[in-house]
Amino acid sequence: MSRQEVFDKVAAHLLQQKEKSMTMGRCMYRSVNGLKCAIGCLIPDDLYESNIENTPVYELPYVIIKHIGCKYEDLFFLSSLQRIHDSFEPEKWREELIKLAKEKDLVWNHGL
């Protein structure tokens, strides 16, 4: 996926889900109630394993990063998406995603 495609998929996912993916107060790629974080939504079911929880995005298994289609220089971008999910309340996600789109010269395709 291109950086724009990754951004669009994550933005659409977060704006639709409107809830953090958390288990026992910790942000998770996949929570016990089926929610997914910004990066969790990019990981297909057949590549997801619970042992990746609590692993920073830049330490995820190569097969996951390769599936997402990212290069080494994109890991900071993925971390920025993860930070939006983990550090801000859902009501602020749209605003933070718009800021990130501007910073990275991406197109905002998700309404006002």
N, C-alpha and C. Protein backbone atom coordinates (compact mmCIF):
# COMPACT_ATOMS: atom_id res chain seq x y z
N MET A 1 0.84 -1.18 0.00
CA MET A 1 0.00 0.00 0.00
C MET A 1 0.88 1.24 0.00
N SER A 2 0.42 2.26 -0.68
CA SER A 2 1.13 3.54 -0.63
C SER A 2 0.84 4.20 0.72
N ARG A 3 1.61 5.23 1.02
CA ARG A 3 1.38 5.96 2.27
C ARG A 3 -0.03 6.54 2.29
N GLN A 4 -0.52 7.04 1.15
CA GLN A 4 -1.89 7.57 1.08
C GLN A 4 -2.91 6.47 1.35
N GLU A 5 -2.71 5.29 0.78
CA GLU A 5 -3.64 4.18 1.00
C GLU A 5 -3.66 3.74 2.46
N VAL A 6 -2.48 3.69 3.07
CA VAL A 6 -2.40 3.34 4.50
C VAL A 6 -3.15 4.39 5.31
N PHE A 7 -2.88 5.65 5.03
CA PHE A 7 -3.54 6.73 5.75
C PHE A 7 -5.05 6.65 5.61
N ASP A 8 -5.53 6.47 4.38
CA ASP A 8 -6.98 6.40 4.14
C ASP A 8 -7.62 5.23 4.88
N LYS A 9 -6.97 4.09 4.86
CA LYS A 9 -7.53 2.92 5.55
C LYS A 9 -7.59 3.14 7.05
N VAL A 10 -6.51 3.67 7.62
CA VAL A 10 -6.47 3.91 9.06
C VAL A 10 -7.48 4.99 9.45
N ALA A 11 -7.51 6.09 8.71
CA ALA A 11 -8.44 7.18 9.03
C ALA A 11 -9.88 6.68 8.96
N ALA A 12 -10.24 5.97 7.92
CA ALA A 12 -11.61 5.45 7.79
C ALA A 12 -11.92 4.52 8.95
N HIS A 13 -10.98 3.67 9.30
CA HIS A 13 -11.21 2.72 10.40
C HIS A 13 -11.43 3.46 11.72
N LEU A 14 -10.52 4.36 12.07
CA LEU A 14 -10.64 5.06 13.35
C LEU A 14 -11.90 5.91 13.42
N LEU A 15 -12.21 6.62 12.34
CA LEU A 15 -13.38 7.49 12.35
C LEU A 15 -14.69 6.71 12.39
N GLN A 16 -14.67 5.49 11.90
CA GLN A 16 -15.86 4.64 11.99
C GLN A 16 -15.95 3.97 13.36
N GLN A 17 -14.84 3.48 13.86
CA GLN A 17 -14.83 2.76 15.14
C GLN A 17 -15.16 3.68 16.31
N LYS A 18 -14.57 4.88 16.32
CA LYS A 18 -14.84 5.91 17.33
C LYS A 18 -14.59 5.43 18.76
N GLU A 19 -13.69 4.49 18.93
CA GLU A 19 -13.40 3.95 20.25
C GLU A 19 -11.99 3.37 20.24
N LYS A 20 -11.26 3.59 21.34
CA LYS A 20 -9.91 3.05 21.43
C LYS A 20 -9.96 1.53 21.58
N SER A 21 -8.98 0.89 21.01
CA SER A 21 -8.78 -0.55 21.18
C SER A 21 -7.92 -0.73 22.44
N MET A 22 -8.59 -1.11 23.53
CA MET A 22 -7.90 -1.23 24.81
C MET A 22 -8.33 -2.50 25.53
N THR A 23 -7.40 -3.04 26.29
CA THR A 23 -7.68 -4.15 27.18
C THR A 23 -6.98 -3.85 28.50
N MET A 24 -7.74 -3.87 29.56
CA MET A 24 -7.21 -3.59 30.90
C MET A 24 -6.43 -2.28 30.95
N GLY A 25 -6.97 -1.25 30.29
CA GLY A 25 -6.38 0.07 30.32
C GLY A 25 -5.17 0.29 29.42
N ARG A 26 -4.84 -0.70 28.60
CA ARG A 26 -3.69 -0.58 27.70
C ARG A 26 -4.15 -0.62 26.26
N CYS A 27 -3.56 0.24 25.43
CA CYS A 27 -3.87 0.21 24.01
C CYS A 27 -3.34 -1.08 23.40
N MET A 28 -4.14 -1.66 22.53
CA MET A 28 -3.81 -2.96 21.94
C MET A 28 -4.02 -2.90 20.43
N TYR A 29 -3.23 -3.70 19.69
CA TYR A 29 -3.47 -3.83 18.26
C TYR A 29 -4.88 -4.38 18.05
N ARG A 30 -5.23 -5.37 18.89
CA ARG A 30 -6.59 -5.93 18.88
C ARG A 30 -7.02 -6.14 20.32
N SER A 31 -8.14 -5.58 20.68
CA SER A 31 -8.62 -5.72 22.06
C SER A 31 -9.46 -6.99 22.19
N VAL A 32 -9.73 -7.37 23.43
CA VAL A 32 -10.52 -8.58 23.67
C VAL A 32 -11.96 -8.44 23.16
N ASN A 33 -12.43 -7.20 22.99
CA ASN A 33 -13.79 -7.00 22.49
C ASN A 33 -13.83 -6.78 20.97
N GLY A 34 -12.71 -7.07 20.29
CA GLY A 34 -12.70 -7.04 18.83
C GLY A 34 -12.32 -5.73 18.18
N LEU A 35 -12.03 -4.71 18.97
CA LEU A 35 -11.61 -3.43 18.39
C LEU A 35 -10.17 -3.53 17.90
N LYS A 36 -9.80 -2.64 16.98
CA LYS A 36 -8.45 -2.62 16.42
C LYS A 36 -7.92 -1.19 16.49
N CYS A 37 -6.63 -1.08 16.76
CA CYS A 37 -6.01 0.25 16.78
C CYS A 37 -5.64 0.66 15.36
N ALA A 38 -4.94 1.78 15.25
CA ALA A 38 -4.57 2.31 13.94
C ALA A 38 -3.73 1.33 13.14
N ILE A 39 -2.85 0.62 13.78
CA ILE A 39 -2.01 -0.34 13.08
C ILE A 39 -2.69 -1.70 13.04
N GLY A 40 -3.43 -2.03 14.07
CA GLY A 40 -4.14 -3.31 14.11
C GLY A 40 -5.08 -3.51 12.94
N CYS A 41 -5.65 -2.42 12.44
CA CYS A 41 -6.57 -2.55 11.30
C CYS A 41 -5.84 -2.88 10.01
N LEU A 42 -4.52 -2.73 10.00
CA LEU A 42 -3.71 -3.03 8.82
C LEU A 42 -3.20 -4.47 8.82
N ILE A 43 -3.34 -5.16 9.95
CA ILE A 43 -2.80 -6.50 10.10
C ILE A 43 -3.89 -7.52 9.78
N PRO A 44 -3.71 -8.32 8.74
CA PRO A 44 -4.73 -9.32 8.41
C PRO A 44 -4.81 -10.41 9.49
N ASP A 45 -5.96 -11.01 9.61
CA ASP A 45 -6.18 -12.03 10.64
C ASP A 45 -5.13 -13.14 10.59
N ASP A 46 -4.74 -13.56 9.41
CA ASP A 46 -3.80 -14.68 9.30
C ASP A 46 -2.38 -14.32 9.73
N LEU A 47 -2.07 -13.03 9.88
CA LEU A 47 -0.75 -12.62 10.35
C LEU A 47 -0.74 -12.16 11.80
N TYR A 48 -1.93 -11.96 12.35
CA TYR A 48 -2.01 -11.48 13.73
C TYR A 48 -1.73 -12.61 14.72
N GLU A 49 -0.91 -12.32 15.71
CA GLU A 49 -0.67 -13.22 16.83
C GLU A 49 -0.67 -12.38 18.10
N SER A 50 -1.25 -12.89 19.14
CA SER A 50 -1.38 -12.11 20.37
C SER A 50 -0.02 -11.72 20.96
N ASN A 51 1.04 -12.42 20.62
CA ASN A 51 2.35 -12.09 21.19
C ASN A 51 2.94 -10.78 20.65
N ILE A 52 2.30 -10.15 19.67
CA ILE A 52 2.79 -8.85 19.19
C ILE A 52 2.27 -7.69 20.03
N GLU A 53 1.30 -7.97 20.88
CA GLU A 53 0.77 -6.91 21.73
C GLU A 53 1.92 -6.35 22.58
N ASN A 54 1.89 -5.07 22.84
CA ASN A 54 2.92 -4.36 23.60
C ASN A 54 4.24 -4.24 22.83
N THR A 55 4.22 -4.55 21.54
CA THR A 55 5.41 -4.41 20.70
C THR A 55 5.27 -3.12 19.91
N PRO A 56 6.26 -2.23 19.98
CA PRO A 56 6.18 -1.00 19.17
C PRO A 56 6.12 -1.35 17.68
N VAL A 57 5.51 -0.48 16.92
CA VAL A 57 5.32 -0.73 15.50
C VAL A 57 6.65 -1.01 14.79
N TYR A 58 7.72 -0.33 15.18
CA TYR A 58 9.00 -0.53 14.52
C TYR A 58 9.67 -1.86 14.89
N GLU A 59 9.07 -2.61 15.82
CA GLU A 59 9.59 -3.93 16.18
C GLU A 59 8.65 -5.06 15.77
N LEU A 60 7.61 -4.73 15.01
CA LEU A 60 6.69 -5.77 14.53
C LEU A 60 7.44 -6.72 13.59
N PRO A 61 6.98 -7.96 13.50
CA PRO A 61 7.64 -8.90 12.58
C PRO A 61 7.67 -8.37 11.15
N TYR A 62 8.75 -8.67 10.47
CA TYR A 62 8.96 -8.20 9.10
C TYR A 62 7.79 -8.57 8.19
N VAL A 63 7.22 -9.76 8.37
CA VAL A 63 6.13 -10.21 7.49
C VAL A 63 4.92 -9.26 7.58
N ILE A 64 4.68 -8.70 8.74
CA ILE A 64 3.56 -7.76 8.91
C ILE A 64 3.88 -6.44 8.20
N ILE A 65 5.08 -5.93 8.44
CA ILE A 65 5.49 -4.67 7.79
C ILE A 65 5.49 -4.83 6.28
N LYS A 66 5.97 -5.98 5.81
CA LYS A 66 5.99 -6.25 4.36
C LYS A 66 4.57 -6.29 3.81
N HIS A 67 3.64 -6.93 4.53
CA HIS A 67 2.25 -6.99 4.07
C HIS A 67 1.66 -5.58 3.96
N ILE A 68 1.93 -4.75 4.95
CA ILE A 68 1.41 -3.38 4.92
C ILE A 68 2.00 -2.64 3.72
N GLY A 69 3.19 -3.04 3.31
CA GLY A 69 3.82 -2.43 2.14
C GLY A 69 4.73 -1.28 2.48
N CYS A 70 5.18 -1.26 3.72
CA CYS A 70 6.00 -0.14 4.17
C CYS A 70 7.48 -0.39 3.99
N LYS A 71 8.15 0.70 3.78
CA LYS A 71 9.60 0.71 3.75
C LYS A 71 10.08 1.16 5.13
N TYR A 72 11.35 1.01 5.37
CA TYR A 72 11.91 1.40 6.66
C TYR A 72 11.55 2.85 7.00
N GLU A 73 11.62 3.73 6.02
CA GLU A 73 11.34 5.15 6.28
C GLU A 73 9.87 5.42 6.60
N ASP A 74 8.99 4.45 6.35
CA ASP A 74 7.58 4.61 6.67
C ASP A 74 7.24 4.24 8.10
N LEU A 75 8.17 3.65 8.83
CA LEU A 75 7.88 3.21 10.19
C LEU A 75 7.56 4.40 11.11
N PHE A 76 8.21 5.53 10.88
CA PHE A 76 7.89 6.71 11.68
C PHE A 76 6.46 7.18 11.37
N PHE A 77 6.07 7.10 10.12
CA PHE A 77 4.70 7.45 9.73
C PHE A 77 3.70 6.54 10.43
N LEU A 78 3.96 5.23 10.43
CA LEU A 78 3.08 4.29 11.13
C LEU A 78 3.03 4.60 12.62
N SER A 79 4.17 4.95 13.18
CA SER A 79 4.21 5.32 14.60
C SER A 79 3.36 6.55 14.87
N SER A 80 3.34 7.49 13.92
CA SER A 80 2.51 8.69 14.07
C SER A 80 1.03 8.33 14.09
N LEU A 81 0.64 7.40 13.24
CA LEU A 81 -0.75 6.94 13.25
C LEU A 81 -1.09 6.24 14.56
N GLN A 82 -0.17 5.41 15.03
CA GLN A 82 -0.37 4.70 16.29
C GLN A 82 -0.49 5.69 17.45
N ARG A 83 0.33 6.74 17.42
CA ARG A 83 0.30 7.75 18.48
C ARG A 83 -1.05 8.46 18.54
N ILE A 84 -1.65 8.72 17.38
CA ILE A 84 -2.96 9.37 17.35
C ILE A 84 -3.97 8.50 18.09
N HIS A 85 -3.99 7.20 17.79
CA HIS A 85 -4.91 6.29 18.47
C HIS A 85 -4.63 6.24 19.97
N ASP A 86 -3.35 6.09 20.33
CA ASP A 86 -3.00 5.84 21.72
C ASP A 86 -3.03 7.08 22.60
N SER A 87 -2.70 8.24 22.05
CA SER A 87 -2.49 9.44 22.87
C SER A 87 -3.66 10.42 22.89
N PHE A 88 -4.61 10.26 22.00
CA PHE A 88 -5.73 11.20 21.93
C PHE A 88 -7.05 10.47 22.09
N GLU A 89 -8.01 11.18 22.63
CA GLU A 89 -9.36 10.63 22.74
C GLU A 89 -9.99 10.61 21.35
N PRO A 90 -10.90 9.69 21.11
CA PRO A 90 -11.53 9.56 19.78
C PRO A 90 -12.11 10.87 19.23
N GLU A 91 -12.59 11.75 20.10
CA GLU A 91 -13.15 13.02 19.64
C GLU A 91 -12.09 13.90 18.97
N LYS A 92 -10.81 13.66 19.25
CA LYS A 92 -9.72 14.45 18.69
C LYS A 92 -9.07 13.78 17.47
N TRP A 93 -9.44 12.55 17.16
CA TRP A 93 -8.79 11.82 16.09
C TRP A 93 -8.88 12.53 14.75
N ARG A 94 -10.05 13.01 14.39
CA ARG A 94 -10.22 13.68 13.08
C ARG A 94 -9.25 14.86 12.97
N GLU A 95 -9.23 15.70 13.99
CA GLU A 95 -8.35 16.87 14.00
C GLU A 95 -6.88 16.46 13.88
N GLU A 96 -6.47 15.44 14.61
CA GLU A 96 -5.08 14.99 14.58
C GLU A 96 -4.74 14.32 13.24
N LEU A 97 -5.68 13.59 12.68
CA LEU A 97 -5.46 12.97 11.37
C LEU A 97 -5.33 14.03 10.28
N ILE A 98 -6.14 15.07 10.36
CA ILE A 98 -6.04 16.17 9.39
C ILE A 98 -4.67 16.84 9.49
N LYS A 99 -4.19 17.06 10.71
CA LYS A 99 -2.86 17.65 10.91
C LYS A 99 -1.78 16.76 10.30
N LEU A 100 -1.88 15.47 10.55
CA LEU A 100 -0.89 14.54 10.01
C LEU A 100 -0.92 14.54 8.48
N ALA A 101 -2.13 14.56 7.90
CA ALA A 101 -2.25 14.60 6.44
C ALA A 101 -1.54 15.83 5.88
N LYS A 102 -1.72 16.97 6.52
CA LYS A 102 -1.06 18.20 6.06
C LYS A 102 0.46 18.09 6.19
N GLU A 103 0.92 17.57 7.33
CA GLU A 103 2.36 17.43 7.56
C GLU A 103 3.02 16.52 6.52
N LYS A 104 2.30 15.49 6.10
CA LYS A 104 2.87 14.48 5.21
C LYS A 104 2.46 14.67 3.75
N ASP A 105 1.83 15.80 3.44
CA ASP A 105 1.37 16.10 2.08
C ASP A 105 0.45 15.03 1.53
N LEU A 106 -0.48 14.60 2.37
CA LEU A 106 -1.48 13.61 1.96
C LEU A 106 -2.81 14.31 1.73
N VAL A 107 -3.67 13.66 0.99
CA VAL A 107 -5.00 14.20 0.71
C VAL A 107 -5.96 13.73 1.78
N TRP A 108 -6.78 14.66 2.28
CA TRP A 108 -7.81 14.32 3.27
C TRP A 108 -9.07 13.93 2.51
N ASN A 109 -9.44 12.65 2.57
CA ASN A 109 -10.59 12.13 1.82
C ASN A 109 -11.76 11.72 2.71
N HIS A 110 -11.86 12.32 3.89
CA HIS A 110 -12.80 11.79 4.88
C HIS A 110 -13.79 12.83 5.39
N GLY A 111 -14.21 13.72 4.55
CA GLY A 111 -15.22 14.70 4.91
C GLY A 111 -14.71 15.77 5.87
N LEU A 112 -15.62 16.61 6.29
CA LEU A 112 -15.25 17.72 7.18
C LEU A 112 -15.05 17.30 8.57
